[in-house]
Amino acid sequence: MESFHPQDRSTSTARMEHLMPLMNVVFALIAVGVLLWLVNRFIPMQGSIKSILNAVVVVVVALWVCNLFGLFHTLSRYRIGQ
């Protein structure tokens, strides 16, 4: 029979706090993929426009994921213009 220790609960809660944002990212990626598939499948458009749309969505999602994992924290220091 397992005994209950208060530190076990805090460790489990800390793991869930780190896991939930990752799950949210996965759900968001799945939602974007399904929406892009629906647009490609059911909305008639020229192949060139469809390719541009797919490329834009992939680039935006890749930049978003990179930003989430902190790969662009150094870029925020640079200013363009005044």
N, C-alpha and C. Protein backbone atom coordinates (compact mmCIF):
# COMPACT_ATOMS: atom_id res chain seq x y z
N MET A 1 0.84 -1.17 0.00
CA MET A 1 0.00 0.00 0.00
C MET A 1 0.89 1.24 0.00
N GLU A 2 0.59 2.20 -0.90
CA GLU A 2 1.40 3.41 -1.01
C GLU A 2 0.97 4.43 0.02
N SER A 3 1.95 5.13 0.57
CA SER A 3 1.64 6.20 1.50
C SER A 3 1.67 7.53 0.75
N PHE A 4 0.94 8.48 1.25
CA PHE A 4 0.85 9.80 0.62
C PHE A 4 1.83 10.75 1.27
N HIS A 5 2.65 11.38 0.46
CA HIS A 5 3.59 12.39 0.95
C HIS A 5 3.25 13.72 0.29
N PRO A 6 3.22 14.81 1.04
CA PRO A 6 2.89 16.11 0.45
C PRO A 6 3.84 16.53 -0.66
N GLN A 7 5.13 16.18 -0.56
CA GLN A 7 6.05 16.57 -1.62
C GLN A 7 5.76 15.85 -2.92
N ASP A 8 5.18 14.65 -2.86
CA ASP A 8 4.81 13.93 -4.08
C ASP A 8 3.77 14.72 -4.86
N ARG A 9 2.84 15.33 -4.17
CA ARG A 9 1.79 16.11 -4.84
C ARG A 9 2.37 17.36 -5.49
N SER A 10 3.29 18.03 -4.81
CA SER A 10 3.88 19.23 -5.39
C SER A 10 4.73 18.88 -6.61
N THR A 11 5.41 17.76 -6.59
CA THR A 11 6.20 17.33 -7.75
C THR A 11 5.27 17.01 -8.91
N SER A 12 4.18 16.35 -8.63
CA SER A 12 3.21 16.01 -9.67
C SER A 12 2.57 17.27 -10.24
N THR A 13 2.25 18.22 -9.39
CA THR A 13 1.66 19.48 -9.85
C THR A 13 2.65 20.25 -10.70
N ALA A 14 3.91 20.27 -10.30
CA ALA A 14 4.93 20.98 -11.08
C ALA A 14 5.09 20.34 -12.45
N ARG A 15 5.03 19.00 -12.51
CA ARG A 15 5.13 18.33 -13.81
C ARG A 15 3.95 18.68 -14.69
N MET A 16 2.76 18.73 -14.13
CA MET A 16 1.57 19.07 -14.92
C MET A 16 1.62 20.51 -15.40
N GLU A 17 2.20 21.42 -14.59
CA GLU A 17 2.31 22.81 -15.02
C GLU A 17 3.24 22.93 -16.22
N HIS A 18 4.29 22.11 -16.27
CA HIS A 18 5.19 22.15 -17.42
C HIS A 18 4.60 21.40 -18.61
N LEU A 19 3.77 20.42 -18.35
CA LEU A 19 3.19 19.62 -19.41
C LEU A 19 2.04 20.33 -20.10
N MET A 20 1.25 21.09 -19.38
CA MET A 20 0.08 21.74 -19.96
C MET A 20 0.43 22.72 -21.08
N PRO A 21 1.43 23.60 -20.93
CA PRO A 21 1.76 24.47 -22.07
C PRO A 21 2.19 23.69 -23.31
N LEU A 22 2.91 22.59 -23.10
CA LEU A 22 3.32 21.76 -24.24
C LEU A 22 2.09 21.13 -24.90
N MET A 23 1.14 20.70 -24.09
CA MET A 23 -0.10 20.15 -24.66
C MET A 23 -0.87 21.22 -25.42
N ASN A 24 -0.88 22.45 -24.91
CA ASN A 24 -1.55 23.54 -25.62
C ASN A 24 -0.90 23.80 -26.97
N VAL A 25 0.43 23.73 -27.02
CA VAL A 25 1.14 23.92 -28.28
C VAL A 25 0.78 22.81 -29.26
N VAL A 26 0.75 21.59 -28.78
CA VAL A 26 0.40 20.45 -29.64
C VAL A 26 -1.03 20.60 -30.16
N PHE A 27 -1.95 20.96 -29.28
CA PHE A 27 -3.34 21.16 -29.72
C PHE A 27 -3.45 22.29 -30.74
N ALA A 28 -2.70 23.37 -30.54
CA ALA A 28 -2.73 24.49 -31.48
C ALA A 28 -2.17 24.05 -32.84
N LEU A 29 -1.09 23.27 -32.83
CA LEU A 29 -0.52 22.79 -34.09
C LEU A 29 -1.48 21.86 -34.82
N ILE A 30 -2.17 21.02 -34.06
CA ILE A 30 -3.16 20.13 -34.68
C ILE A 30 -4.30 20.95 -35.27
N ALA A 31 -4.77 21.96 -34.55
CA ALA A 31 -5.86 22.80 -35.04
C ALA A 31 -5.46 23.55 -36.31
N VAL A 32 -4.25 24.09 -36.33
CA VAL A 32 -3.78 24.80 -37.53
C VAL A 32 -3.66 23.83 -38.70
N GLY A 33 -3.16 22.64 -38.44
CA GLY A 33 -3.04 21.64 -39.50
C GLY A 33 -4.38 21.22 -40.06
N VAL A 34 -5.34 21.01 -39.18
CA VAL A 34 -6.68 20.63 -39.65
C VAL A 34 -7.33 21.76 -40.43
N LEU A 35 -7.20 23.00 -39.95
CA LEU A 35 -7.77 24.13 -40.67
C LEU A 35 -7.12 24.30 -42.05
N LEU A 36 -5.80 24.15 -42.11
CA LEU A 36 -5.12 24.26 -43.40
C LEU A 36 -5.56 23.14 -44.34
N TRP A 37 -5.72 21.95 -43.82
CA TRP A 37 -6.20 20.83 -44.65
C TRP A 37 -7.61 21.11 -45.16
N LEU A 38 -8.49 21.63 -44.29
CA LEU A 38 -9.86 21.95 -44.72
C LEU A 38 -9.87 23.00 -45.82
N VAL A 39 -9.05 24.02 -45.66
CA VAL A 39 -8.97 25.07 -46.69
C VAL A 39 -8.45 24.48 -47.99
N ASN A 40 -7.39 23.67 -47.92
CA ASN A 40 -6.83 23.07 -49.14
C ASN A 40 -7.81 22.11 -49.79
N ARG A 41 -8.58 21.42 -49.00
CA ARG A 41 -9.47 20.38 -49.53
C ARG A 41 -10.77 20.91 -50.09
N PHE A 42 -11.37 21.87 -49.38
CA PHE A 42 -12.74 22.25 -49.71
C PHE A 42 -12.92 23.64 -50.31
N ILE A 43 -11.90 24.48 -50.30
CA ILE A 43 -12.02 25.80 -50.92
C ILE A 43 -11.27 25.78 -52.24
N PRO A 44 -12.00 25.96 -53.33
CA PRO A 44 -11.32 25.93 -54.63
C PRO A 44 -10.50 27.20 -54.86
N MET A 45 -9.25 27.01 -55.23
CA MET A 45 -8.37 28.13 -55.54
C MET A 45 -7.25 27.63 -56.44
N GLN A 46 -6.59 28.57 -57.09
CA GLN A 46 -5.50 28.21 -57.98
C GLN A 46 -4.37 27.56 -57.20
N GLY A 47 -3.62 26.71 -57.88
CA GLY A 47 -2.52 26.01 -57.25
C GLY A 47 -1.44 26.93 -56.73
N SER A 48 -1.18 28.03 -57.46
CA SER A 48 -0.14 28.96 -57.01
C SER A 48 -0.56 29.68 -55.74
N ILE A 49 -1.82 30.05 -55.65
CA ILE A 49 -2.32 30.71 -54.44
C ILE A 49 -2.30 29.74 -53.27
N LYS A 50 -2.66 28.50 -53.53
CA LYS A 50 -2.65 27.48 -52.48
C LYS A 50 -1.23 27.24 -51.97
N SER A 51 -0.26 27.23 -52.88
CA SER A 51 1.14 27.05 -52.47
C SER A 51 1.62 28.21 -51.63
N ILE A 52 1.26 29.43 -52.02
CA ILE A 52 1.65 30.61 -51.25
C ILE A 52 1.01 30.56 -49.87
N LEU A 53 -0.26 30.22 -49.80
CA LEU A 53 -0.96 30.12 -48.52
C LEU A 53 -0.30 29.09 -47.62
N ASN A 54 0.01 27.93 -48.16
CA ASN A 54 0.67 26.88 -47.38
C ASN A 54 2.03 27.34 -46.87
N ALA A 55 2.80 28.00 -47.73
CA ALA A 55 4.12 28.48 -47.32
C ALA A 55 4.02 29.53 -46.22
N VAL A 56 3.08 30.45 -46.36
CA VAL A 56 2.91 31.49 -45.35
C VAL A 56 2.51 30.87 -44.01
N VAL A 57 1.58 29.93 -44.03
CA VAL A 57 1.13 29.29 -42.78
C VAL A 57 2.28 28.53 -42.14
N VAL A 58 3.05 27.80 -42.92
CA VAL A 58 4.18 27.04 -42.37
C VAL A 58 5.23 27.97 -41.77
N VAL A 59 5.55 29.07 -42.44
CA VAL A 59 6.54 30.01 -41.93
C VAL A 59 6.05 30.67 -40.64
N VAL A 60 4.78 31.10 -40.63
CA VAL A 60 4.23 31.75 -39.44
C VAL A 60 4.21 30.78 -38.26
N VAL A 61 3.79 29.55 -38.48
CA VAL A 61 3.75 28.57 -37.40
C VAL A 61 5.16 28.24 -36.92
N ALA A 62 6.12 28.13 -37.83
CA ALA A 62 7.50 27.85 -37.43
C ALA A 62 8.07 29.01 -36.60
N LEU A 63 7.80 30.24 -37.00
CA LEU A 63 8.26 31.39 -36.22
C LEU A 63 7.59 31.43 -34.85
N TRP A 64 6.30 31.10 -34.80
CA TRP A 64 5.57 31.08 -33.54
C TRP A 64 6.16 30.05 -32.58
N VAL A 65 6.45 28.86 -33.10
CA VAL A 65 7.02 27.80 -32.25
C VAL A 65 8.42 28.19 -31.79
N CYS A 66 9.22 28.77 -32.68
CA CYS A 66 10.56 29.23 -32.28
C CYS A 66 10.47 30.29 -31.19
N ASN A 67 9.51 31.19 -31.32
CA ASN A 67 9.31 32.22 -30.31
C ASN A 67 8.88 31.61 -28.98
N LEU A 68 8.03 30.59 -29.02
CA LEU A 68 7.59 29.94 -27.79
C LEU A 68 8.75 29.31 -27.03
N PHE A 69 9.69 28.74 -27.76
CA PHE A 69 10.82 28.08 -27.13
C PHE A 69 11.98 29.03 -26.86
N GLY A 70 11.76 30.32 -27.07
CA GLY A 70 12.75 31.33 -26.69
C GLY A 70 13.90 31.50 -27.64
N LEU A 71 13.73 31.14 -28.88
CA LEU A 71 14.83 31.30 -29.84
C LEU A 71 14.97 32.72 -30.36
N PHE A 72 13.97 33.56 -30.09
CA PHE A 72 14.01 34.93 -30.59
C PHE A 72 14.15 35.96 -29.48
N HIS A 73 14.54 35.55 -28.29
CA HIS A 73 14.64 36.51 -27.19
C HIS A 73 15.74 37.54 -27.43
N THR A 74 16.78 37.17 -28.18
CA THR A 74 17.84 38.14 -28.46
C THR A 74 17.42 39.12 -29.55
N LEU A 75 16.50 38.74 -30.41
CA LEU A 75 16.07 39.64 -31.48
C LEU A 75 15.21 40.78 -30.96
N SER A 76 14.62 40.62 -29.80
CA SER A 76 13.75 41.67 -29.28
C SER A 76 14.53 42.90 -28.84
N ARG A 77 15.85 42.77 -28.67
CA ARG A 77 16.67 43.92 -28.26
C ARG A 77 16.96 44.87 -29.41
N TYR A 78 16.90 44.38 -30.63
CA TYR A 78 17.24 45.20 -31.78
C TYR A 78 16.05 46.06 -32.20
N ARG A 79 16.32 47.33 -32.50
CA ARG A 79 15.27 48.25 -32.92
C ARG A 79 15.58 48.74 -34.33
N ILE A 80 14.54 48.84 -35.12
CA ILE A 80 14.67 49.36 -36.49
C ILE A 80 14.07 50.75 -36.49
N GLY A 81 14.80 51.71 -37.00
CA GLY A 81 14.30 53.09 -37.00
C GLY A 81 14.66 53.79 -35.71
N GLN A 82 13.80 54.71 -35.31
CA GLN A 82 14.10 55.49 -34.11
C GLN A 82 13.67 54.73 -32.94
